Amino acid sequence: MHNDSNRRSSNLQSTYTAEEIAEILGVSIRKAYKLCETTDEFKVIRLGKRCLRIHKKSFDEWFNGLDNTS
């Protein structure tokens, strides 16, 4: 029998949800979805119309690079 917290923990190691991206960026969930739907700056895995996962490493690299763009 699989434990949901174990499955969720392993998913969080390699992906983020749109809700997590919103929290990291300090924006609404709607804005996080819009960013994920329009970006080519990091990898987004679409699992249907409104279900997606964001590749953690590519997002982290993009996010950390924001400080270097000024």
N, C-alpha and C. Protein backbone atom coordinates (compact mmCIF):
# COMPACT_ATOMS: atom_id res chain seq x y z
N MET A 1 0.84 -1.18 0.00
CA MET A 1 0.00 0.00 0.00
C MET A 1 0.88 1.24 0.00
N HIS A 2 0.59 2.18 -0.88
CA HIS A 2 1.37 3.40 -0.99
C HIS A 2 0.82 4.48 -0.09
N ASN A 3 1.71 5.18 0.54
CA ASN A 3 1.32 6.29 1.39
C ASN A 3 1.35 7.57 0.55
N ASP A 4 0.26 8.37 0.59
CA ASP A 4 0.19 9.60 -0.20
C ASP A 4 1.33 10.55 0.13
N SER A 5 1.71 10.65 1.39
CA SER A 5 2.79 11.58 1.75
C SER A 5 4.12 11.12 1.15
N ASN A 6 4.35 9.81 1.05
CA ASN A 6 5.58 9.33 0.41
C ASN A 6 5.57 9.65 -1.08
N ARG A 7 4.43 9.45 -1.72
CA ARG A 7 4.32 9.74 -3.15
C ARG A 7 4.50 11.24 -3.39
N ARG A 8 3.86 12.06 -2.58
CA ARG A 8 3.98 13.50 -2.71
C ARG A 8 5.41 13.95 -2.46
N SER A 9 6.07 13.39 -1.47
CA SER A 9 7.45 13.75 -1.16
C SER A 9 8.37 13.47 -2.34
N SER A 10 8.20 12.33 -2.98
CA SER A 10 9.07 12.01 -4.11
C SER A 10 8.77 12.91 -5.30
N ASN A 11 7.50 13.30 -5.51
CA ASN A 11 7.16 14.22 -6.59
C ASN A 11 7.77 15.59 -6.35
N LEU A 12 7.78 16.05 -5.12
CA LEU A 12 8.30 17.37 -4.82
C LEU A 12 9.80 17.46 -5.03
N GLN A 13 10.46 16.35 -5.06
CA GLN A 13 11.90 16.37 -5.29
C GLN A 13 12.25 16.79 -6.70
N SER A 14 11.38 16.51 -7.66
CA SER A 14 11.72 16.81 -9.05
C SER A 14 10.77 17.80 -9.72
N THR A 15 9.62 18.08 -9.11
CA THR A 15 8.66 19.01 -9.71
C THR A 15 8.04 19.92 -8.66
N TYR A 16 7.51 21.04 -9.16
CA TYR A 16 6.68 21.94 -8.37
C TYR A 16 5.26 21.91 -8.95
N THR A 17 4.30 22.29 -8.13
CA THR A 17 2.95 22.54 -8.62
C THR A 17 2.82 24.03 -8.91
N ALA A 18 1.77 24.41 -9.62
CA ALA A 18 1.52 25.83 -9.87
C ALA A 18 1.33 26.58 -8.56
N GLU A 19 0.71 25.93 -7.59
CA GLU A 19 0.50 26.56 -6.29
C GLU A 19 1.84 26.86 -5.61
N GLU A 20 2.78 25.94 -5.72
CA GLU A 20 4.10 26.16 -5.13
C GLU A 20 4.84 27.28 -5.85
N ILE A 21 4.71 27.34 -7.17
CA ILE A 21 5.33 28.41 -7.95
C ILE A 21 4.76 29.76 -7.52
N ALA A 22 3.44 29.81 -7.34
CA ALA A 22 2.78 31.05 -6.90
C ALA A 22 3.35 31.50 -5.56
N GLU A 23 3.52 30.57 -4.65
CA GLU A 23 4.05 30.89 -3.33
C GLU A 23 5.49 31.38 -3.43
N ILE A 24 6.31 30.72 -4.21
CA ILE A 24 7.72 31.10 -4.37
C ILE A 24 7.83 32.51 -4.95
N LEU A 25 6.99 32.80 -5.97
CA LEU A 25 7.06 34.09 -6.65
C LEU A 25 6.27 35.18 -5.94
N GLY A 26 5.41 34.79 -5.00
CA GLY A 26 4.60 35.78 -4.30
C GLY A 26 3.51 36.36 -5.18
N VAL A 27 2.93 35.52 -6.04
CA VAL A 27 1.86 35.95 -6.94
C VAL A 27 0.65 35.04 -6.75
N SER A 28 -0.46 35.41 -7.38
CA SER A 28 -1.67 34.59 -7.30
C SER A 28 -1.47 33.30 -8.09
N ILE A 29 -2.29 32.32 -7.77
CA ILE A 29 -2.24 31.06 -8.50
C ILE A 29 -2.56 31.30 -9.97
N ARG A 30 -3.50 32.19 -10.23
CA ARG A 30 -3.87 32.50 -11.62
C ARG A 30 -2.66 33.03 -12.40
N LYS A 31 -1.89 33.93 -11.78
CA LYS A 31 -0.69 34.46 -12.45
C LYS A 31 0.36 33.38 -12.64
N ALA A 32 0.49 32.47 -11.68
CA ALA A 32 1.44 31.37 -11.82
C ALA A 32 1.06 30.48 -13.00
N TYR A 33 -0.23 30.15 -13.12
CA TYR A 33 -0.68 29.36 -14.26
C TYR A 33 -0.41 30.09 -15.57
N LYS A 34 -0.70 31.39 -15.61
CA LYS A 34 -0.47 32.17 -16.83
C LYS A 34 1.01 32.13 -17.22
N LEU A 35 1.89 32.32 -16.24
CA LEU A 35 3.32 32.24 -16.51
C LEU A 35 3.70 30.88 -17.07
N CYS A 36 3.21 29.83 -16.43
CA CYS A 36 3.55 28.47 -16.87
C CYS A 36 3.00 28.17 -18.26
N GLU A 37 1.87 28.75 -18.60
CA GLU A 37 1.27 28.51 -19.90
C GLU A 37 1.98 29.26 -21.03
N THR A 38 2.71 30.31 -20.69
CA THR A 38 3.30 31.15 -21.74
C THR A 38 4.83 31.12 -21.78
N THR A 39 5.47 30.54 -20.79
CA THR A 39 6.93 30.61 -20.72
C THR A 39 7.62 29.52 -21.54
N ASP A 40 8.82 29.86 -21.96
CA ASP A 40 9.72 28.84 -22.48
C ASP A 40 11.05 28.92 -21.71
N GLU A 41 11.01 29.59 -20.57
CA GLU A 41 12.19 29.78 -19.73
C GLU A 41 12.49 28.59 -18.83
N PHE A 42 11.48 27.78 -18.54
CA PHE A 42 11.66 26.57 -17.74
C PHE A 42 10.67 25.52 -18.24
N LYS A 43 10.92 24.26 -17.87
CA LYS A 43 10.14 23.14 -18.39
C LYS A 43 8.83 22.98 -17.62
N VAL A 44 7.75 22.89 -18.37
CA VAL A 44 6.42 22.69 -17.80
C VAL A 44 5.83 21.42 -18.41
N ILE A 45 5.35 20.54 -17.56
CA ILE A 45 4.73 19.30 -17.99
C ILE A 45 3.22 19.48 -17.83
N ARG A 46 2.49 19.44 -18.92
CA ARG A 46 1.04 19.63 -18.88
C ARG A 46 0.36 18.28 -18.77
N LEU A 47 -0.53 18.17 -17.81
CA LEU A 47 -1.25 16.92 -17.55
C LEU A 47 -2.75 17.12 -17.72
N GLY A 48 -3.12 17.92 -18.68
CA GLY A 48 -4.52 18.27 -18.89
C GLY A 48 -4.64 19.78 -18.99
N LYS A 49 -5.88 20.26 -19.02
CA LYS A 49 -6.09 21.69 -19.22
C LYS A 49 -5.52 22.54 -18.09
N ARG A 50 -5.77 22.19 -16.85
CA ARG A 50 -5.31 23.01 -15.73
C ARG A 50 -4.42 22.27 -14.76
N CYS A 51 -3.96 21.10 -15.12
CA CYS A 51 -3.07 20.34 -14.25
C CYS A 51 -1.69 20.34 -14.89
N LEU A 52 -0.73 20.84 -14.15
CA LEU A 52 0.62 20.86 -14.68
C LEU A 52 1.63 20.71 -13.56
N ARG A 53 2.81 20.34 -13.95
CA ARG A 53 3.95 20.25 -13.03
C ARG A 53 5.11 20.98 -13.66
N ILE A 54 5.90 21.61 -12.82
CA ILE A 54 7.03 22.41 -13.28
C ILE A 54 8.31 21.70 -12.88
N HIS A 55 9.18 21.49 -13.84
CA HIS A 55 10.46 20.83 -13.60
C HIS A 55 11.27 21.69 -12.62
N LYS A 56 11.54 21.14 -11.46
CA LYS A 56 12.13 21.91 -10.37
C LYS A 56 13.49 22.49 -10.74
N LYS A 57 14.37 21.69 -11.29
CA LYS A 57 15.72 22.17 -11.58
C LYS A 57 15.69 23.31 -12.60
N SER A 58 14.90 23.16 -13.66
CA SER A 58 14.86 24.23 -14.67
C SER A 58 14.23 25.49 -14.11
N PHE A 59 13.19 25.35 -13.26
CA PHE A 59 12.59 26.53 -12.64
C PHE A 59 13.58 27.20 -11.70
N ASP A 60 14.24 26.42 -10.86
CA ASP A 60 15.20 26.98 -9.90
C ASP A 60 16.33 27.72 -10.61
N GLU A 61 16.81 27.17 -11.71
CA GLU A 61 17.87 27.84 -12.48
C GLU A 61 17.36 29.16 -13.05
N TRP A 62 16.14 29.15 -13.59
CA TRP A 62 15.54 30.39 -14.12
C TRP A 62 15.36 31.41 -13.01
N PHE A 63 14.78 30.97 -11.91
CA PHE A 63 14.50 31.87 -10.78
C PHE A 63 15.78 32.45 -10.21
N ASN A 64 16.80 31.64 -10.02
CA ASN A 64 18.07 32.12 -9.49
C ASN A 64 18.76 33.06 -10.46
N GLY A 65 18.51 32.90 -11.75
CA GLY A 65 19.10 33.77 -12.76
C GLY A 65 18.43 35.14 -12.85
N LEU A 66 17.27 35.29 -12.25
CA LEU A 66 16.58 36.59 -12.30
C LEU A 66 17.39 37.69 -11.66
N ASP A 67 18.16 37.38 -10.64
CA ASP A 67 19.00 38.37 -9.96
C ASP A 67 20.14 38.85 -10.86
N ASN A 68 20.51 38.06 -11.84
CA ASN A 68 21.64 38.39 -12.70
C ASN A 68 21.25 39.14 -13.96
N THR A 69 19.96 39.46 -14.13
CA THR A 69 19.52 40.10 -15.36
C THR A 69 19.55 41.61 -15.31
N SER A 70 19.83 42.18 -14.16
CA SER A 70 19.82 43.65 -14.07
C SER A 70 21.12 44.28 -14.49
